[in-house]
PDB file of N, CA and C in Angstrom:
ATOM      1  N   UNK A   1      -7.804  -6.095   3.599  1.00  0.00           N
ATOM      2  CA  UNK A   1      -6.449  -5.787   3.985  1.00  0.00           C
ATOM      3  C   UNK A   1      -6.432  -4.830   5.187  1.00  0.00           C
ATOM      4  N   UNK A   2      -7.413  -3.950   5.249  1.00  0.00           N
ATOM      5  CA  UNK A   2      -7.464  -2.992   6.361  1.00  0.00           C
ATOM      6  C   UNK A   2      -7.504  -3.699   7.709  1.00  0.00           C
ATOM      7  N   UNK A   3      -8.365  -4.677   7.849  1.00  0.00           N
ATOM      8  CA  UNK A   3      -8.465  -5.373   9.137  1.00  0.00           C
ATOM      9  C   UNK A   3      -7.201  -6.190   9.428  1.00  0.00           C
ATOM     10  N   UNK A   4      -6.580  -6.721   8.399  1.00  0.00           N
ATOM     11  CA  UNK A   4      -5.345  -7.483   8.595  1.00  0.00           C
ATOM     12  C   UNK A   4      -4.210  -6.571   9.083  1.00  0.00           C
ATOM     13  N   UNK A   5      -4.076  -5.407   8.487  1.00  0.00           N
ATOM     14  CA  UNK A   5      -3.027  -4.476   8.907  1.00  0.00           C
ATOM     15  C   UNK A   5      -3.292  -3.929  10.304  1.00  0.00           C
ATOM     16  N   UNK A   6      -4.549  -3.644  10.601  1.00  0.00           N
ATOM     17  CA  UNK A   6      -4.902  -3.169  11.942  1.00  0.00           C
ATOM     18  C   UNK A   6      -4.616  -4.248  12.980  1.00  0.00           C
ATOM     19  N   UNK A   7      -4.991  -5.476  12.674  1.00  0.00           N
ATOM     20  CA  UNK A   7      -4.738  -6.598  13.581  1.00  0.00           C
ATOM     21  C   UNK A   7      -3.258  -6.856  13.781  1.00  0.00           C
ATOM     22  N   UNK A   8      -2.485  -6.773  12.700  1.00  0.00           N
ATOM     23  CA  UNK A   8      -1.040  -6.969  12.792  1.00  0.00           C
ATOM     24  C   UNK A   8      -0.416  -5.956  13.751  1.00  0.00           C
ATOM     25  N   UNK A   9      -0.806  -4.677  13.611  1.00  0.00           N
ATOM     26  CA  UNK A   9      -0.252  -3.633  14.463  1.00  0.00           C
ATOM     27  C   UNK A   9      -0.610  -3.867  15.927  1.00  0.00           C
ATOM     28  N   UNK A  10      -1.841  -4.298  16.191  1.00  0.00           N
ATOM     29  CA  UNK A  10      -2.266  -4.570  17.573  1.00  0.00           C
ATOM     30  C   UNK A  10      -1.473  -5.723  18.173  1.00  0.00           C
ATOM     31  N   UNK A  11      -1.311  -6.788  17.418  1.00  0.00           N
ATOM     32  CA  UNK A  11      -0.560  -7.950  17.909  1.00  0.00           C
ATOM     33  C   UNK A  11       0.907  -7.588  18.102  1.00  0.00           C
ATOM     34  N   UNK A  12       1.476  -6.867  17.160  1.00  0.00           N
ATOM     35  CA  UNK A  12       2.884  -6.480  17.226  1.00  0.00           C
ATOM     36  C   UNK A  12       3.161  -5.680  18.494  1.00  0.00           C
ATOM     37  N   UNK A  13       2.299  -4.707  18.800  1.00  0.00           N
ATOM     38  CA  UNK A  13       2.551  -3.860  19.958  1.00  0.00           C
ATOM     39  C   UNK A  13       1.968  -4.413  21.259  1.00  0.00           C
ATOM     40  N   UNK A  14       1.398  -5.591  21.213  1.00  0.00           N
ATOM     41  CA  UNK A  14       1.011  -6.274  22.447  1.00  0.00           C
ATOM     42  C   UNK A  14       2.265  -6.765  23.164  1.00  0.00           C
ATOM     43  N   UNK A  15       3.355  -6.899  22.401  1.00  0.00           N
ATOM     44  CA  UNK A  15       4.647  -7.268  22.964  1.00  0.00           C
ATOM     45  C   UNK A  15       5.442  -5.991  23.249  1.00  0.00           C
ATOM     46  N   UNK A  16       6.445  -6.097  24.089  1.00  0.00           N
ATOM     47  CA  UNK A  16       7.259  -4.936  24.457  1.00  0.00           C
ATOM     48  C   UNK A  16       8.174  -4.533  23.296  1.00  0.00           C
ATOM     49  N   UNK A  17       8.187  -3.225  23.008  1.00  0.00           N
ATOM     50  CA  UNK A  17       9.039  -2.668  21.957  1.00  0.00           C
ATOM     51  C   UNK A  17       9.532  -1.288  22.369  1.00  0.00           C
ATOM     52  N   UNK A  18      10.670  -0.873  21.850  1.00  0.00           N
ATOM     53  CA  UNK A  18      11.107   0.510  22.088  1.00  0.00           C
ATOM     54  C   UNK A  18      10.105   1.488  21.454  1.00  0.00           C
ATOM     55  N   UNK A  19       9.945   2.641  22.057  1.00  0.00           N
ATOM     56  CA  UNK A  19       9.003   3.634  21.542  1.00  0.00           C
ATOM     57  C   UNK A  19       9.288   4.016  20.095  1.00  0.00           C
ATOM     58  N   UNK A  20      10.551   4.058  19.703  1.00  0.00           N
ATOM     59  CA  UNK A  20      10.902   4.465  18.335  1.00  0.00           C
ATOM     60  C   UNK A  20      10.337   3.516  17.282  1.00  0.00           C
ATOM     61  N   UNK A  21       9.982   2.302  17.693  1.00  0.00           N
ATOM     62  CA  UNK A  21       9.418   1.318  16.768  1.00  0.00           C
ATOM     63  C   UNK A  21       8.037   1.738  16.275  1.00  0.00           C
ATOM     64  N   UNK A  22       7.307   2.484  17.062  1.00  0.00           N
ATOM     65  CA  UNK A  22       5.932   2.852  16.731  1.00  0.00           C
ATOM     66  C   UNK A  22       5.821   3.567  15.390  1.00  0.00           C
ATOM     67  N   UNK A  23       6.801   4.379  15.033  1.00  0.00           N
ATOM     68  CA  UNK A  23       6.714   5.123  13.777  1.00  0.00           C
ATOM     69  C   UNK A  23       6.901   4.219  12.553  1.00  0.00           C
ATOM     70  N   UNK A  24       7.401   3.020  12.758  1.00  0.00           N
ATOM     71  CA  UNK A  24       7.650   2.116  11.638  1.00  0.00           C
ATOM     72  C   UNK A  24       6.518   1.127  11.376  1.00  0.00           C
ATOM     73  N   UNK A  25       5.640   0.938  12.347  1.00  0.00           N
ATOM     74  CA  UNK A  25       4.521   0.007  12.188  1.00  0.00           C
ATOM     75  C   UNK A  25       3.228   0.825  12.278  1.00  0.00           C
ATOM     76  N   UNK A  26       2.712   1.188  11.139  1.00  0.00           N
ATOM     77  CA  UNK A  26       1.529   2.050  11.089  1.00  0.00           C
ATOM     78  C   UNK A  26       0.250   1.220  11.078  1.00  0.00           C
ATOM     79  N   UNK A  27      -0.878   1.928  11.112  1.00  0.00           N
ATOM     80  CA  UNK A  27      -2.173   1.254  11.121  1.00  0.00           C
ATOM     81  C   UNK A  27      -3.221   2.102  10.396  1.00  0.00           C
ATOM     82  N   UNK A  28      -4.088   1.471   9.642  1.00  0.00           N
ATOM     83  CA  UNK A  28      -5.196   2.202   9.026  1.00  0.00           C
ATOM     84  C   UNK A  28      -6.141   2.815  10.070  1.00  0.00           C
ATOM     85  N   UNK A  29      -6.137   2.259  11.287  1.00  0.00           N
ATOM     86  CA  UNK A  29      -6.998   2.773  12.349  1.00  0.00           C
ATOM     87  C   UNK A  29      -6.675   4.229  12.679  1.00  0.00           C
ATOM     88  N   UNK A  30      -5.459   4.655  12.367  1.00  0.00           N
ATOM     89  CA  UNK A  30      -5.063   6.057  12.582  1.00  0.00           C
ATOM     90  C   UNK A  30      -5.007   6.814  11.254  1.00  0.00           C
ATOM     91  N   UNK A  31      -5.641   6.268  10.228  1.00  0.00           N
ATOM     92  CA  UNK A  31      -5.707   6.843   8.882  1.00  0.00           C
ATOM     93  C   UNK A  31      -4.338   6.961   8.218  1.00  0.00           C
ATOM     94  N   UNK A  32      -3.405   6.125   8.633  1.00  0.00           N
ATOM     95  CA  UNK A  32      -2.101   6.094   7.984  1.00  0.00           C
ATOM     96  C   UNK A  32      -2.231   5.383   6.637  1.00  0.00           C
ATOM     97  N   UNK A  33      -1.469   5.825   5.662  1.00  0.00           N
ATOM     98  CA  UNK A  33      -1.457   5.157   4.353  1.00  0.00           C
ATOM     99  C   UNK A  33      -0.769   3.793   4.435  1.00  0.00           C
ATOM    100  N   UNK A  34      -0.022   3.545   5.512  1.00  0.00           N
ATOM    101  CA  UNK A  34       0.681   2.270   5.717  1.00  0.00           C
ATOM    102  C   UNK A  34       1.595   1.922   4.544  1.00  0.00           C
ATOM    103  N   UNK A  35       2.305   2.934   4.048  1.00  0.00           N
ATOM    104  CA  UNK A  35       3.140   2.746   2.866  1.00  0.00           C
ATOM    105  C   UNK A  35       4.148   1.610   3.032  1.00  0.00           C
ATOM    106  N   UNK A  36       4.877   1.590   4.139  1.00  0.00           N
ATOM    107  CA  UNK A  36       5.897   0.553   4.325  1.00  0.00           C
ATOM    108  C   UNK A  36       5.288  -0.844   4.329  1.00  0.00           C
ATOM    109  N   UNK A  37       4.195  -1.000   5.043  1.00  0.00           N
ATOM    110  CA  UNK A  37       3.561  -2.319   5.117  1.00  0.00           C
ATOM    111  C   UNK A  37       2.974  -2.726   3.767  1.00  0.00           C
ATOM    112  N   UNK A  38       2.324  -1.789   3.078  1.00  0.00           N
ATOM    113  CA  UNK A  38       1.757  -2.106   1.764  1.00  0.00           C
ATOM    114  C   UNK A  38       2.849  -2.395   0.738  1.00  0.00           C
ATOM    115  N   UNK A  39       3.977  -1.693   0.834  1.00  0.00           N
ATOM    116  CA  UNK A  39       5.099  -1.955  -0.067  1.00  0.00           C
ATOM    117  C   UNK A  39       5.667  -3.354   0.201  1.00  0.00           C
ATOM    118  N   UNK A  40       5.838  -3.684   1.469  1.00  0.00           N
ATOM    119  CA  UNK A  40       6.341  -5.016   1.819  1.00  0.00           C
ATOM    120  C   UNK A  40       5.397  -6.098   1.296  1.00  0.00           C
ATOM    121  N   UNK A  41       4.108  -5.907   1.485  1.00  0.00           N
ATOM    122  CA  UNK A  41       3.137  -6.879   0.981  1.00  0.00           C
ATOM    123  C   UNK A  41       3.223  -7.000  -0.535  1.00  0.00           C
ATOM    124  N   UNK A  42       3.386  -5.866  -1.221  1.00  0.00           N
ATOM    125  CA  UNK A  42       3.524  -5.905  -2.679  1.00  0.00           C
ATOM    126  C   UNK A  42       4.717  -6.757  -3.075  1.00  0.00           C
ATOM    127  N   UNK A  43       5.858  -6.541  -2.434  1.00  0.00           N
ATOM    128  CA  UNK A  43       7.057  -7.313  -2.759  1.00  0.00           C
ATOM    129  C   UNK A  43       6.849  -8.803  -2.523  1.00  0.00           C
ATOM    130  N   UNK A  44       6.195  -9.142  -1.433  1.00  0.00           N
ATOM    131  CA  UNK A  44       6.052 -10.543  -1.053  1.00  0.00           C
ATOM    132  C   UNK A  44       4.953 -11.282  -1.807  1.00  0.00           C
ATOM    133  N   UNK A  45       3.931 -10.560  -2.280  1.00  0.00           N
ATOM    134  CA  UNK A  45       2.773 -11.198  -2.921  1.00  0.00           C
ATOM    135  C   UNK A  45       2.879 -11.200  -4.451  1.00  0.00           C
ATOM    136  N   UNK A  46       3.181 -10.055  -5.046  1.00  0.00           N
ATOM    137  CA  UNK A  46       3.244  -9.962  -6.503  1.00  0.00           C
ATOM    138  C   UNK A  46       4.512 -10.643  -7.026  1.00  0.00           C
ATOM    139  N   UNK A  47       4.425 -11.136  -8.230  1.00  0.00           N
ATOM    140  CA  UNK A  47       5.601 -11.668  -8.913  1.00  0.00           C
ATOM    141  C   UNK A  47       5.663 -10.962 -10.261  1.00  0.00           C
ATOM    142  N   UNK A  48       6.848 -10.442 -10.574  1.00  0.00           N
ATOM    143  CA  UNK A  48       7.001  -9.828 -11.895  1.00  0.00           C
ATOM    144  C   UNK A  48       8.272 -10.346 -12.567  1.00  0.00           C
ATOM    145  N   UNK A  49       8.381 -10.087 -13.847  1.00  0.00           N
ATOM    146  CA  UNK A  49       9.504 -10.600 -14.629  1.00  0.00           C
ATOM    147  C   UNK A  49      10.777  -9.787 -14.439  1.00  0.00           C
ATOM    148  N   UNK A  50      10.651  -8.594 -13.851  1.00  0.00           N
ATOM    149  CA  UNK A  50      11.805  -7.715 -13.665  1.00  0.00           C
ATOM    150  C   UNK A  50      12.501  -7.920 -12.325  1.00  0.00           C
ATOM    151  N   UNK A  51      11.962  -8.766 -11.470  1.00  0.00           N
ATOM    152  CA  UNK A  51      12.573  -9.033 -10.181  1.00  0.00           C
ATOM    153  C   UNK A  51      12.333  -7.957  -9.134  1.00  0.00           C
ATOM    154  N   UNK A  52      11.410  -7.029  -9.406  1.00  0.00           N
ATOM    155  CA  UNK A  52      11.081  -6.004  -8.415  1.00  0.00           C
ATOM    156  C   UNK A  52      10.278  -6.628  -7.284  1.00  0.00           C
ATOM    157  N   UNK A  53       9.311  -7.454  -7.635  1.00  0.00           N
ATOM    158  CA  UNK A  53       8.449  -8.123  -6.656  1.00  0.00           C
ATOM    159  C   UNK A  53       8.778  -9.611  -6.639  1.00  0.00           C
ATOM    160  N   UNK A  54       8.902 -10.160  -5.436  1.00  0.00           N
ATOM    161  CA  UNK A  54       9.397 -11.528  -5.275  1.00  0.00           C
ATOM    162  C   UNK A  54       8.339 -12.619  -5.426  1.00  0.00           C
ATOM    163  N   UNK A  55       7.091 -12.317  -5.063  1.00  0.00           N
ATOM    164  CA  UNK A  55       6.019 -13.292  -5.203  1.00  0.00           C
ATOM    165  C   UNK A  55       6.188 -14.539  -4.359  1.00  0.00           C
ATOM    166  N   UNK A  56       6.719 -14.412  -3.162  1.00  0.00           N
ATOM    167  CA  UNK A  56       6.974 -15.578  -2.308  1.00  0.00           C
ATOM    168  C   UNK A  56       5.728 -16.064  -1.576  1.00  0.00           C
ATOM    169  N   UNK A  57       4.821 -15.159  -1.287  1.00  0.00           N
ATOM    170  CA  UNK A  57       3.619 -15.523  -0.528  1.00  0.00           C
ATOM    171  C   UNK A  57       2.486 -15.843  -1.488  1.00  0.00           C
ATOM    172  N   UNK A  58       1.999 -17.047  -1.403  1.00  0.00           N
ATOM    173  CA  UNK A  58       0.946 -17.504  -2.322  1.00  0.00           C
ATOM    174  C   UNK A  58      -0.450 -17.446  -1.703  1.00  0.00           C
ATOM    175  N   UNK A  59      -0.560 -17.213  -0.383  1.00  0.00           N
ATOM    176  CA  UNK A  59      -1.862 -17.243   0.291  1.00  0.00           C
ATOM    177  C   UNK A  59      -2.600 -15.905   0.237  1.00  0.00           C
ATOM    178  N   UNK A  60      -1.967 -14.885  -0.324  1.00  0.00           N
ATOM    179  CA  UNK A  60      -2.628 -13.599  -0.549  1.00  0.00           C
ATOM    180  C   UNK A  60      -2.603 -13.343  -2.047  1.00  0.00           C
ATOM    181  N   UNK A  61      -3.730 -12.952  -2.607  1.00  0.00           N
ATOM    182  CA  UNK A  61      -3.816 -12.669  -4.039  1.00  0.00           C
ATOM    183  C   UNK A  61      -3.430 -11.214  -4.302  1.00  0.00           C
ATOM    184  N   UNK A  62      -2.782 -10.922  -5.423  1.00  0.00           N
ATOM    185  CA  UNK A  62      -2.462  -9.545  -5.768  1.00  0.00           C
ATOM    186  C   UNK A  62      -3.693  -8.634  -5.768  1.00  0.00           C
ATOM    187  N   UNK A  63      -4.847  -9.179  -6.064  1.00  0.00           N
ATOM    188  CA  UNK A  63      -6.087  -8.391  -6.078  1.00  0.00           C
ATOM    189  C   UNK A  63      -6.443  -7.848  -4.695  1.00  0.00           C
ATOM    190  N   UNK A  64      -5.910  -8.456  -3.640  1.00  0.00           N
ATOM    191  CA  UNK A  64      -6.219  -8.030  -2.271  1.00  0.00           C
ATOM    192  C   UNK A  64      -5.339  -6.872  -1.792  1.00  0.00           C
ATOM    193  N   UNK A  65      -4.275  -6.586  -2.499  1.00  0.00           N
ATOM    194  CA  UNK A  65      -3.317  -5.587  -2.051  1.00  0.00           C
ATOM    195  C   UNK A  65      -3.872  -4.166  -2.149  1.00  0.00           C
ATOM    196  N   UNK A  66      -3.281  -3.285  -1.349  1.00  0.00           N
ATOM    197  CA  UNK A  66      -3.588  -1.861  -1.387  1.00  0.00           C
ATOM    198  C   UNK A  66      -2.342  -1.152  -1.889  1.00  0.00           C
ATOM    199  N   UNK A  67      -2.528  -0.216  -2.792  1.00  0.00           N
ATOM    200  CA  UNK A  67      -1.399   0.496  -3.396  1.00  0.00           C
ATOM    201  C   UNK A  67      -0.623   1.282  -2.344  1.00  0.00           C
ATOM    202  N   UNK A  68       0.697   1.117  -2.294  1.00  0.00           N
ATOM    203  CA  UNK A  68       1.511   1.927  -1.384  1.00  0.00           C
ATOM    204  C   UNK A  68       1.430   3.394  -1.804  1.00  0.00           C
ATOM    205  N   UNK A  69       1.069   4.264  -0.877  1.00  0.00           N
ATOM    206  CA  UNK A  69       0.891   5.682  -1.193  1.00  0.00           C
ATOM    207  C   UNK A  69       1.768   6.537  -0.294  1.00  0.00           C
ATOM    208  N   UNK A  70       2.529   7.411  -0.926  1.00  0.00           N
ATOM    209  CA  UNK A  70       3.234   8.470  -0.213  1.00  0.00           C
ATOM    210  C   UNK A  70       2.850   9.781  -0.886  1.00  0.00           C
ATOM    211  N   UNK A  71       3.431  10.867  -0.474  1.00  0.00           N
ATOM    212  CA  UNK A  71       3.044  12.166  -1.005  1.00  0.00           C
ATOM    213  C   UNK A  71       3.300  12.259  -2.508  1.00  0.00           C
ATOM    214  N   UNK A  72       4.364  11.630  -3.002  1.00  0.00           N
ATOM    215  CA  UNK A  72       4.690  11.686  -4.428  1.00  0.00           C
ATOM    216  C   UNK A  72       3.655  10.938  -5.261  1.00  0.00           C
ATOM    217  N   UNK A  73       3.319   9.738  -4.830  1.00  0.00           N
ATOM    218  CA  UNK A  73       2.320   8.933  -5.540  1.00  0.00           C
ATOM    219  C   UNK A  73       0.957   9.618  -5.493  1.00  0.00           C
ATOM    220  N   UNK A  74       0.592  10.167  -4.341  1.00  0.00           N
ATOM    221  CA  UNK A  74      -0.721  10.809  -4.240  1.00  0.00           C
ATOM    222  C   UNK A  74      -0.797  12.057  -5.117  1.00  0.00           C
ATOM    223  N   UNK A  75       0.281  12.805  -5.222  1.00  0.00           N
ATOM    224  CA  UNK A  75       0.278  13.994  -6.101  1.00  0.00           C
ATOM    225  C   UNK A  75       0.111  13.604  -7.562  1.00  0.00           C
ATOM    226  N   UNK A  76       0.843  12.592  -7.998  1.00  0.00           N
ATOM    227  CA  UNK A  76       0.741  12.121  -9.381  1.00  0.00           C
ATOM    228  C   UNK A  76      -0.667  11.593  -9.645  1.00  0.00           C
ATOM    229  N   UNK A  77      -1.184  10.797  -8.740  1.00  0.00           N
ATOM    230  CA  UNK A  77      -2.526  10.222  -8.915  1.00  0.00           C
ATOM    231  C   UNK A  77      -3.589  11.320  -8.973  1.00  0.00           C
ATOM    232  N   UNK A  78      -3.417  12.362  -8.168  1.00  0.00           N
ATOM    233  CA  UNK A  78      -4.369  13.483  -8.192  1.00  0.00           C
ATOM    234  C   UNK A  78      -4.284  14.221  -9.526  1.00  0.00           C
ATOM    235  N   UNK A  79      -3.070  14.458 -10.011  1.00  0.00           N
ATOM    236  CA  UNK A  79      -2.896  15.134 -11.309  1.00  0.00           C
ATOM    237  C   UNK A  79      -3.501  14.326 -12.451  1.00  0.00           C
ATOM    238  N   UNK A  80      -3.451  13.013 -12.332  1.00  0.00           N
ATOM    239  CA  UNK A  80      -4.026  12.140 -13.358  1.00  0.00           C
ATOM    240  C   UNK A  80      -5.544  11.965 -13.200  1.00  0.00           C
ATOM    241  N   UNK A  81      -6.097  12.531 -12.141  1.00  0.00           N
ATOM    242  CA  UNK A  81      -7.536  12.428 -11.907  1.00  0.00           C
ATOM    243  C   UNK A  81      -7.983  11.096 -11.338  1.00  0.00           C
ATOM    244  N   UNK A  82      -7.049  10.344 -10.773  1.00  0.00           N
ATOM    245  CA  UNK A  82      -7.392   9.039 -10.202  1.00  0.00           C
ATOM    246  C   UNK A  82      -7.975   9.159  -8.794  1.00  0.00           C
ATOM    247  N   UNK A  83      -7.613  10.227  -8.086  1.00  0.00           N
ATOM    248  CA  UNK A  83      -8.097  10.442  -6.724  1.00  0.00           C
ATOM    249  C   UNK A  83      -8.539  11.893  -6.564  1.00  0.00           C
ATOM    250  N   UNK A  84      -9.355  12.146  -5.548  1.00  0.00           N
ATOM    251  CA  UNK A  84      -9.873  13.485  -5.297  1.00  0.00           C
ATOM    252  C   UNK A  84      -8.880  14.370  -4.554  1.00  0.00           C
ATOM    253  N   UNK A  85      -8.201  13.813  -3.579  1.00  0.00           N
ATOM    254  CA  UNK A  85      -7.313  14.582  -2.716  1.00  0.00           C
ATOM    255  C   UNK A  85      -5.904  14.007  -2.780  1.00  0.00           C
ATOM    256  N   UNK A  86      -4.905  14.875  -2.710  1.00  0.00           N
ATOM    257  CA  UNK A  86      -3.517  14.416  -2.747  1.00  0.00           C
ATOM    258  C   UNK A  86      -2.979  14.080  -1.359  1.00  0.00           C
ATOM    259  N   UNK A  87      -3.858  14.007  -0.361  1.00  0.00           N
ATOM    260  CA  UNK A  87      -3.421  13.623   0.985  1.00  0.00           C
ATOM    261  C   UNK A  87      -2.952  12.170   0.976  1.00  0.00           C
ATOM    262  N   UNK A  88      -1.813  11.923   1.597  1.00  0.00           N
ATOM    263  CA  UNK A  88      -1.281  10.561   1.673  1.00  0.00           C
ATOM    264  C   UNK A  88      -1.786   9.905   2.948  1.00  0.00           C
ATOM    265  N   UNK A  89      -2.977   9.297   2.886  1.00  0.00           N
ATOM    266  CA  UNK A  89      -3.566   8.630   4.047  1.00  0.00           C
ATOM    267  C   UNK A  89      -4.267   7.354   3.592  1.00  0.00           C
ATOM    268  N   UNK A  90      -4.863   6.641   4.541  1.00  0.00           N
ATOM    269  CA  UNK A  90      -5.495   5.359   4.225  1.00  0.00           C
ATOM    270  C   UNK A  90      -6.648   5.530   3.244  1.00  0.00           C
ATOM    271  N   UNK A  91      -7.461   6.541   3.445  1.00  0.00           N
ATOM    272  CA  UNK A  91      -8.599   6.787   2.551  1.00  0.00           C
ATOM    273  C   UNK A  91      -8.117   6.964   1.110  1.00  0.00           C
ATOM    274  N   UNK A  92      -7.039   7.707   0.918  1.00  0.00           N
ATOM    275  CA  UNK A  92      -6.482   7.926  -0.411  1.00  0.00           C
ATOM    276  C   UNK A  92      -5.936   6.624  -0.994  1.00  0.00           C
ATOM    277  N   UNK A  93      -5.252   5.836  -0.180  1.00  0.00           N
ATOM    278  CA  UNK A  93      -4.709   4.559  -0.656  1.00  0.00           C
ATOM    279  C   UNK A  93      -5.826   3.638  -1.145  1.00  0.00           C
ATOM    280  N   UNK A  94      -6.919   3.595  -0.408  1.00  0.00           N
ATOM    281  CA  UNK A  94      -8.067   2.759  -0.798  1.00  0.00           C
ATOM    282  C   UNK A  94      -8.726   3.318  -2.062  1.00  0.00           C
ATOM    283  N   UNK A  95      -8.885   4.638  -2.118  1.00  0.00           N
ATOM    284  CA  UNK A  95      -9.490   5.271  -3.297  1.00  0.00           C
ATOM    285  C   UNK A  95      -8.642   5.019  -4.542  1.00  0.00           C
ATOM    286  N   UNK A  96      -7.323   5.194  -4.424  1.00  0.00           N
ATOM    287  CA  UNK A  96      -6.434   4.956  -5.560  1.00  0.00           C
ATOM    288  C   UNK A  96      -6.486   3.495  -5.991  1.00  0.00           C
ATOM    289  N   UNK A  97      -6.446   2.598  -5.039  1.00  0.00           N
ATOM    290  CA  UNK A  97      -6.502   1.168  -5.366  1.00  0.00           C
ATOM    291  C   UNK A  97      -7.809   0.832  -6.080  1.00  0.00           C
ATOM    292  N   UNK A  98      -8.909   1.421  -5.653  1.00  0.00           N
ATOM    293  CA  UNK A  98     -10.202   1.193  -6.312  1.00  0.00           C
ATOM    294  C   UNK A  98     -10.158   1.657  -7.769  1.00  0.00           C
ATOM    295  N   UNK A  99      -9.524   2.794  -8.007  1.00  0.00           N
ATOM    296  CA  UNK A  99      -9.408   3.295  -9.379  1.00  0.00           C
ATOM    297  C   UNK A  99      -8.492   2.413 -10.224  1.00  0.00           C
ATOM    298  N   UNK A 100      -7.404   1.963  -9.647  1.00  0.00           N
ATOM    299  CA  UNK A 100      -6.487   1.072 -10.370  1.00  0.00           C
ATOM    300  C   UNK A 100      -7.132  -0.284 -10.630  1.00  0.00           C
ATOM    301  N   UNK A 101      -7.999  -0.708  -9.726  1.00  0.00           N
ATOM    302  CA  UNK A 101      -8.713  -1.973  -9.884  1.00  0.00           C
ATOM    303  C   UNK A 101      -9.632  -1.948 -11.120  1.00  0.00           C
ATOM    304  N   UNK A 102     -10.092  -0.765 -11.515  1.00  0.00           N
ATOM    305  CA  UNK A 102     -10.908  -0.636 -12.733  1.00  0.00           C
ATOM    306  C   UNK A 102     -10.090  -0.988 -13.977  1.00  0.00           C
ATOM    307  N   UNK A 103      -8.784  -0.747 -13.915  1.00  0.00           N
ATOM    308  CA  UNK A 103      -7.902  -1.056 -15.048  1.00  0.00           C
ATOM    309  C   UNK A 103      -7.430  -2.503 -15.028  1.00  0.00           C
ATOM    310  N   UNK A 104      -7.229  -3.051 -13.836  1.00  0.00           N
ATOM    311  CA  UNK A 104      -6.829  -4.455 -13.713  1.00  0.00           C
ATOM    312  C   UNK A 104      -7.314  -5.001 -12.367  1.00  0.00           C
ATOM    313  N   UNK A 105      -8.498  -5.624 -12.358  1.00  0.00           N
ATOM    314  CA  UNK A 105      -9.065  -6.134 -11.105  1.00  0.00           C
ATOM    315  C   UNK A 105      -8.199  -7.199 -10.421  1.00  0.00           C
ATOM    316  N   UNK A 106      -7.437  -7.941 -11.188  1.00  0.00           N
ATOM    317  CA  UNK A 106      -6.658  -9.031 -10.601  1.00  0.00           C
ATOM    318  C   UNK A 106      -5.314  -8.562 -10.026  1.00  0.00           C
ATOM    319  N   UNK A 107      -4.852  -7.373 -10.436  1.00  0.00           N
ATOM    320  CA  UNK A 107      -3.542  -6.898  -9.976  1.00  0.00           C
ATOM    321  C   UNK A 107      -3.449  -5.370 -10.041  1.00  0.00           C
ATOM    322  N   UNK A 108      -4.258  -4.674  -9.256  1.00  0.00           N
ATOM    323  CA  UNK A 108      -4.278  -3.211  -9.352  1.00  0.00           C
ATOM    324  C   UNK A 108      -2.986  -2.533  -8.910  1.00  0.00           C
ATOM    325  N   UNK A 109      -2.210  -3.170  -8.068  1.00  0.00           N
ATOM    326  CA  UNK A 109      -1.020  -2.550  -7.502  1.00  0.00           C
ATOM    327  C   UNK A 109       0.156  -2.559  -8.488  1.00  0.00           C
ATOM    328  N   UNK A 110       0.013  -3.241  -9.604  1.00  0.00           N
ATOM    329  CA  UNK A 110       1.103  -3.274 -10.579  1.00  0.00           C
ATOM    330  C   UNK A 110       1.423  -1.882 -11.116  1.00  0.00           C
ATOM    331  N   UNK A 111       0.498  -0.954 -10.983  1.00  0.00           N
ATOM    332  CA  UNK A 111       0.714   0.407 -11.468  1.00  0.00           C
ATOM    333  C   UNK A 111       1.501   1.271 -10.488  1.00  0.00           C
ATOM    334  N   UNK A 112       1.759   0.785  -9.307  1.00  0.00           N
ATOM    335  CA  UNK A 112       2.457   1.545  -8.276  1.00  0.00           C
ATOM    336  C   UNK A 112       3.820   2.032  -8.749  1.00  0.00           C
ATOM    337  N   UNK A 113       4.580   1.179  -9.358  1.00  0.00           N
ATOM    338  CA  UNK A 113       5.942   1.518  -9.781  1.00  0.00           C
ATOM    339  C   UNK A 113       5.926   2.680 -10.775  1.00  0.00           C
ATOM    340  N   UNK A 114       4.972   2.672 -11.704  1.00  0.00           N
ATOM    341  CA  UNK A 114       4.853   3.748 -12.690  1.00  0.00           C
ATOM    342  C   UNK A 114       4.442   5.063 -12.014  1.00  0.00           C
ATOM    343  N   UNK A 115       3.478   4.996 -11.103  1.00  0.00           N
ATOM    344  CA  UNK A 115       3.050   6.205 -10.397  1.00  0.00           C
ATOM    345  C   UNK A 115       4.191   6.789  -9.572  1.00  0.00           C
ATOM    346  N   UNK A 116       4.941   5.933  -8.917  1.00  0.00           N
ATOM    347  CA  UNK A 116       6.076   6.389  -8.115  1.00  0.00           C
ATOM    348  C   UNK A 116       7.133   7.031  -9.016  1.00  0.00           C
ATOM    349  N   UNK A 117       7.407   6.392 -10.150  1.00  0.00           N
ATOM    350  CA  UNK A 117       8.415   6.906 -11.090  1.00  0.00           C
ATOM    351  C   UNK A 117       8.052   8.267 -11.650  1.00  0.00           C
ATOM    352  N   UNK A 118       6.782   8.492 -11.924  1.00  0.00           N
ATOM    353  CA  UNK A 118       6.339   9.788 -12.429  1.00  0.00           C
ATOM    354  C   UNK A 118       6.480  10.894 -11.402  1.00  0.00           C
ATOM    355  N   UNK A 119       6.455  10.517 -10.123  1.00  0.00           N
ATOM    356  CA  UNK A 119       6.535  11.504  -9.056  1.00  0.00           C
ATOM    357  C   UNK A 119       7.951  11.843  -8.634  1.00  0.00           C
ATOM    358  N   UNK A 120       8.920  11.134  -9.173  1.00  0.00           N
ATOM    359  CA  UNK A 120      10.313  11.377  -8.759  1.00  0.00           C
ATOM    360  C   UNK A 120      10.877  12.622  -9.396  1.00  0.00           C
TER     361      UNK A 120
END
């Protein structure tokens, strides 16, 4: 997923865009957690019974996703001992996803909603 997100950002900004757009399209190459992009991928790839995730894209498996991480999720994950540092960056997102993958290798990101809810 890291190379796909990095490639997407490069292709996106190869075209002309207003400068303000840059803050909305992040990249792991700058150690961004890429929360917006990972959240969008979660919605489009996962399918759940509650209608939170749409599951429209079938060419990406839920196992390939990276958990969307912001400061709230990283703090909760650190308190639970899932990650070493509460920094909200790409390294933390990958570390958290690896830990969640131990609980469910086929769909590690399904725990995102619970982690986010605990941090609210």
